[in-house]
Amino acid sequence: MKRTALITAATLLLLAVTVTNATAQNDTATALNATTATDSVSTQRTDTGTVVVKPKAWFSFLTEIRMGTDMLDYPEFMTFDWNVSPGVSFRNGLSIRVPVEYVIGMTKDGYNGYEGYYASNGTVGLNLGYDFLNKSDRWRLELNASGGSTYLKTSYRFAYADLNLKFGTKYLGAYNAYLSIGLRYISPYNPDMTQKLMFNFSIGFFAF
């Protein structure tokens, strides 16, 4: 009876060891397959050796405050804008965003067809960007081209096209601070207003 019990216990122990080894081998194979799959998707190795997996595309947005001066008629006309641009960023450094702005044009009293010292409006447009340093986990250098139009029926109405260069840091994780300089061309809808070529300076944040 004791011999039978010992044989049964030894058999069960042998089966348990066999099952444990088989499970460990399957887990190792699964981990290797997952690593291979991850590598085939996209990886980026940081300076610390950490591998970061990047999807093909992800939601992102930026927000900035912009100040501008008319290069052709300074200091008669200046602008102050607040911009929020939701959109999509891609692994290859490209981005597509929809900038929505609150824009203020500041002028001298009665200057160039404007009513009073300042006028305000809102704009909506399309923004295309490319981050030249998209493989870096430290810095961002993004060239942006935008175009759009005001949508409120005020005396301060125009279409615009602009080109901006944004330089920033990625040290803050999900939020990336940046500075930007650029040019904006304004084509007014009001025939009493003149065309504008603005030099812009901005400060803002990317968020991912």
Protein backbone atom coordinates (compact mmCIF):
# COMPACT_ATOMS: atom_id res chain seq x y z
CA MET A 1 0.00 0.00 0.00
CA LYS A 2 2.82 2.38 0.92
CA ARG A 3 4.72 1.37 -2.24
CA THR A 4 1.65 2.14 -4.36
CA ALA A 5 1.26 5.55 -2.72
CA LEU A 6 4.94 6.39 -3.30
CA ILE A 7 4.71 5.38 -6.96
CA THR A 8 1.55 7.45 -7.41
CA ALA A 9 3.15 10.52 -5.74
CA ALA A 10 6.30 10.18 -7.87
CA THR A 11 4.20 9.91 -11.01
CA LEU A 12 2.20 13.03 -10.11
CA LEU A 13 5.42 14.94 -9.31
CA LEU A 14 6.90 13.94 -12.66
CA LEU A 15 3.76 15.08 -14.47
CA ALA A 16 3.81 18.41 -12.62
CA VAL A 17 7.45 19.05 -13.56
CA THR A 18 6.72 18.16 -17.18
CA VAL A 19 3.73 20.54 -17.34
CA THR A 20 5.76 23.35 -15.69
CA ASN A 21 8.59 22.99 -18.19
CA ALA A 22 6.17 22.96 -21.12
CA THR A 23 4.42 26.09 -19.83
CA ALA A 24 7.74 27.91 -19.40
CA GLN A 25 8.77 27.03 -22.95
CA ASN A 26 5.45 28.28 -24.32
CA ASP A 27 5.76 31.57 -22.39
CA THR A 28 9.28 32.10 -23.73
CA ALA A 29 8.13 31.45 -27.30
CA THR A 30 5.21 33.86 -26.85
CA ALA A 31 7.51 36.57 -25.51
CA LEU A 32 9.90 36.12 -28.44
CA ASN A 33 7.01 36.31 -30.90
CA ALA A 34 5.69 39.46 -29.21
CA THR A 35 9.14 41.05 -29.38
CA THR A 36 9.42 40.16 -33.05
CA ALA A 37 5.97 41.60 -33.73
CA THR A 38 6.85 44.77 -31.83
CA ASP A 39 10.03 45.20 -33.80
CA SER A 40 8.12 44.80 -37.04
CA VAL A 41 5.70 47.57 -36.05
CA SER A 42 8.04 50.36 -34.97
CA THR A 43 10.62 50.83 -32.25
CA GLN A 44 12.74 53.74 -31.18
CA ARG A 45 15.65 53.25 -28.80
CA THR A 46 16.37 56.12 -26.43
CA ASP A 47 19.74 57.14 -24.98
CA THR A 48 18.99 55.14 -21.85
CA GLY A 49 18.43 51.98 -23.88
CA THR A 50 14.65 51.96 -23.47
CA VAL A 51 12.72 50.84 -26.52
CA VAL A 52 9.66 52.99 -27.24
CA VAL A 53 6.93 51.56 -29.46
CA LYS A 54 5.36 54.19 -31.75
CA PRO A 55 2.00 53.66 -33.48
CA LYS A 56 1.47 54.63 -37.10
CA ALA A 57 -0.72 57.63 -36.17
CA TRP A 58 -2.05 59.26 -33.02
CA PHE A 59 -4.19 62.21 -31.93
CA SER A 60 -2.30 65.37 -31.05
CA PHE A 61 -2.91 69.07 -30.71
CA LEU A 62 -1.04 72.29 -30.15
CA THR A 63 -2.01 75.57 -28.57
CA GLU A 64 -0.10 78.82 -28.88
CA ILE A 65 -0.18 82.58 -28.41
CA ARG A 66 1.04 84.55 -31.42
CA MET A 67 2.09 88.18 -31.79
CA GLY A 68 2.59 89.74 -35.21
CA THR A 69 3.60 93.01 -36.84
CA ASP A 70 2.97 94.26 -40.35
CA MET A 71 6.34 94.23 -42.11
CA LEU A 72 5.11 96.67 -44.77
CA ASP A 73 3.42 99.17 -42.44
CA TYR A 74 4.95 98.86 -38.97
CA PRO A 75 3.84 99.95 -36.38
CA GLU A 76 0.44 100.98 -37.75
CA PHE A 77 -0.93 97.42 -37.62
CA MET A 78 -0.25 94.58 -35.15
CA THR A 79 -2.01 91.33 -34.27
CA PHE A 80 -2.52 89.19 -31.19
CA ASP A 81 -3.88 85.64 -31.71
CA TRP A 82 -4.74 82.55 -29.71
CA ASN A 83 -4.57 79.28 -31.64
CA VAL A 84 -5.82 75.76 -30.83
CA SER A 85 -5.08 73.06 -33.44
CA PRO A 86 -6.35 69.48 -32.96
CA GLY A 87 -5.23 66.90 -35.47
CA VAL A 88 -3.28 63.73 -36.23
CA SER A 89 0.48 63.09 -36.10
CA PHE A 90 2.19 60.30 -38.03
CA ARG A 91 5.25 58.19 -37.30
CA ASN A 92 7.19 59.62 -40.24
CA GLY A 93 7.02 63.16 -38.79
CA LEU A 94 4.06 64.47 -40.77
CA SER A 95 1.01 66.03 -39.12
CA ILE A 96 -2.39 67.31 -40.23
CA ARG A 97 -4.26 69.74 -37.98
CA VAL A 98 -7.28 72.04 -38.04
CA PRO A 99 -6.25 75.39 -36.51
CA VAL A 100 -9.01 77.42 -34.87
CA GLU A 101 -7.97 80.95 -33.86
CA TYR A 102 -9.24 83.97 -32.02
CA VAL A 103 -7.54 86.90 -33.78
CA ILE A 104 -7.29 90.55 -32.79
CA GLY A 105 -6.10 93.26 -35.17
CA MET A 106 -4.77 96.33 -33.36
CA THR A 107 -4.58 99.63 -35.22
CA LYS A 108 -4.57 103.36 -34.71
CA ASP A 109 -8.03 104.92 -34.49
CA GLY A 110 -9.78 104.79 -37.85
CA TYR A 111 -6.68 103.49 -39.60
CA ASN A 112 -7.04 101.79 -43.01
CA GLY A 113 -10.76 101.11 -42.90
CA TYR A 114 -10.84 99.60 -39.39
CA GLU A 115 -13.42 100.81 -36.92
CA GLY A 116 -11.73 102.00 -33.75
CA TYR A 117 -8.53 100.83 -32.11
CA TYR A 118 -8.98 97.09 -32.58
CA ALA A 119 -11.19 94.50 -34.25
CA SER A 120 -11.54 90.76 -33.57
CA ASN A 121 -12.71 87.69 -35.42
CA GLY A 122 -12.25 83.92 -35.56
CA THR A 123 -10.51 81.84 -38.19
CA VAL A 124 -10.53 78.17 -39.16
CA GLY A 125 -8.12 76.51 -41.56
CA LEU A 126 -5.89 73.56 -42.40
CA ASN A 127 -2.33 73.04 -41.17
CA LEU A 128 0.31 70.66 -42.55
CA GLY A 129 3.51 70.07 -40.60
CA TYR A 130 6.70 68.05 -40.78
CA ASP A 131 9.00 67.37 -37.82
CA PHE A 132 12.58 67.12 -39.12
CA LEU A 133 13.65 65.62 -35.76
CA ASN A 134 10.83 63.07 -35.47
CA LYS A 135 13.29 60.28 -34.53
CA SER A 136 14.69 62.30 -31.63
CA ASP A 137 13.31 61.89 -28.11
CA ARG A 138 14.81 65.24 -27.04
CA TRP A 139 13.99 67.94 -29.60
CA ARG A 140 11.40 69.00 -32.17
CA LEU A 141 11.94 71.11 -35.30
CA GLU A 142 8.68 71.38 -37.22
CA LEU A 143 7.90 73.32 -40.37
CA ASN A 144 4.22 74.28 -40.67
CA ALA A 145 2.21 75.60 -43.61
CA SER A 146 -1.35 76.82 -42.99
CA GLY A 147 -4.23 78.42 -44.81
CA GLY A 148 -7.66 79.55 -43.73
CA SER A 149 -10.27 82.26 -43.41
CA THR A 150 -12.28 84.27 -40.90
CA TYR A 151 -15.91 83.18 -40.49
CA LEU A 152 -17.65 86.03 -38.62
CA LYS A 153 -19.27 88.93 -40.48
CA THR A 154 -17.26 91.83 -39.08
CA SER A 155 -15.16 94.57 -40.66
CA TYR A 156 -12.07 92.50 -39.79
CA ARG A 157 -12.43 89.72 -42.37
CA PHE A 158 -9.67 88.08 -44.40
CA ALA A 159 -8.12 84.94 -45.87
CA TYR A 160 -4.63 84.00 -44.78
CA ALA A 161 -1.66 81.80 -45.63
CA ASP A 162 1.33 81.36 -43.36
CA LEU A 163 4.61 79.49 -42.92
CA ASN A 164 6.11 78.88 -39.48
CA LEU A 165 9.13 77.10 -38.02
CA LYS A 166 8.65 75.67 -34.53
CA PHE A 167 11.56 74.61 -32.32
CA GLY A 168 10.89 72.90 -29.02
CA THR A 169 11.81 70.31 -26.44
CA LYS A 170 10.37 66.87 -25.73
CA TYR A 171 11.76 66.71 -22.18
CA LEU A 172 8.31 67.38 -20.65
CA GLY A 173 6.85 64.06 -21.81
CA ALA A 174 3.35 64.44 -23.20
CA TYR A 175 3.63 68.24 -23.31
CA ASN A 176 6.32 69.78 -25.52
CA ALA A 177 7.06 73.50 -25.17
CA TYR A 178 8.18 75.38 -28.28
CA LEU A 179 8.97 78.77 -29.78
CA SER A 180 7.98 79.71 -33.32
CA ILE A 181 8.77 82.36 -35.91
CA GLY A 182 7.11 82.80 -39.28
CA LEU A 183 5.34 84.87 -41.88
CA ARG A 184 1.61 85.36 -42.53
CA TYR A 185 0.04 86.85 -45.64
CA ILE A 186 -3.40 88.43 -45.12
CA SER A 187 -5.77 89.08 -48.01
CA PRO A 188 -8.70 91.19 -46.68
CA TYR A 189 -12.30 90.79 -47.82
CA ASN A 190 -12.96 94.43 -46.96
CA PRO A 191 -12.00 96.50 -50.07
CA ASP A 192 -11.02 99.43 -47.83
CA MET A 193 -8.28 97.38 -46.18
CA THR A 194 -4.86 96.69 -47.65
CA GLN A 195 -3.03 93.38 -47.90
CA LYS A 196 -0.69 92.52 -45.05
CA LEU A 197 2.59 90.65 -44.69
CA MET A 198 3.06 89.84 -41.02
CA PHE A 199 6.13 88.71 -39.10
CA ASN A 200 4.93 86.40 -36.30
CA PHE A 201 6.45 85.22 -33.03
CA SER A 202 4.71 82.47 -31.03
CA ILE A 203 5.06 80.50 -27.82
CA GLY A 204 3.08 77.33 -27.27
CA PHE A 205 2.76 73.66 -26.37
CA PHE A 206 2.36 70.42 -28.26
CA ALA A 207 0.31 67.71 -26.51
CA PHE A 208 0.14 64.00 -27.37
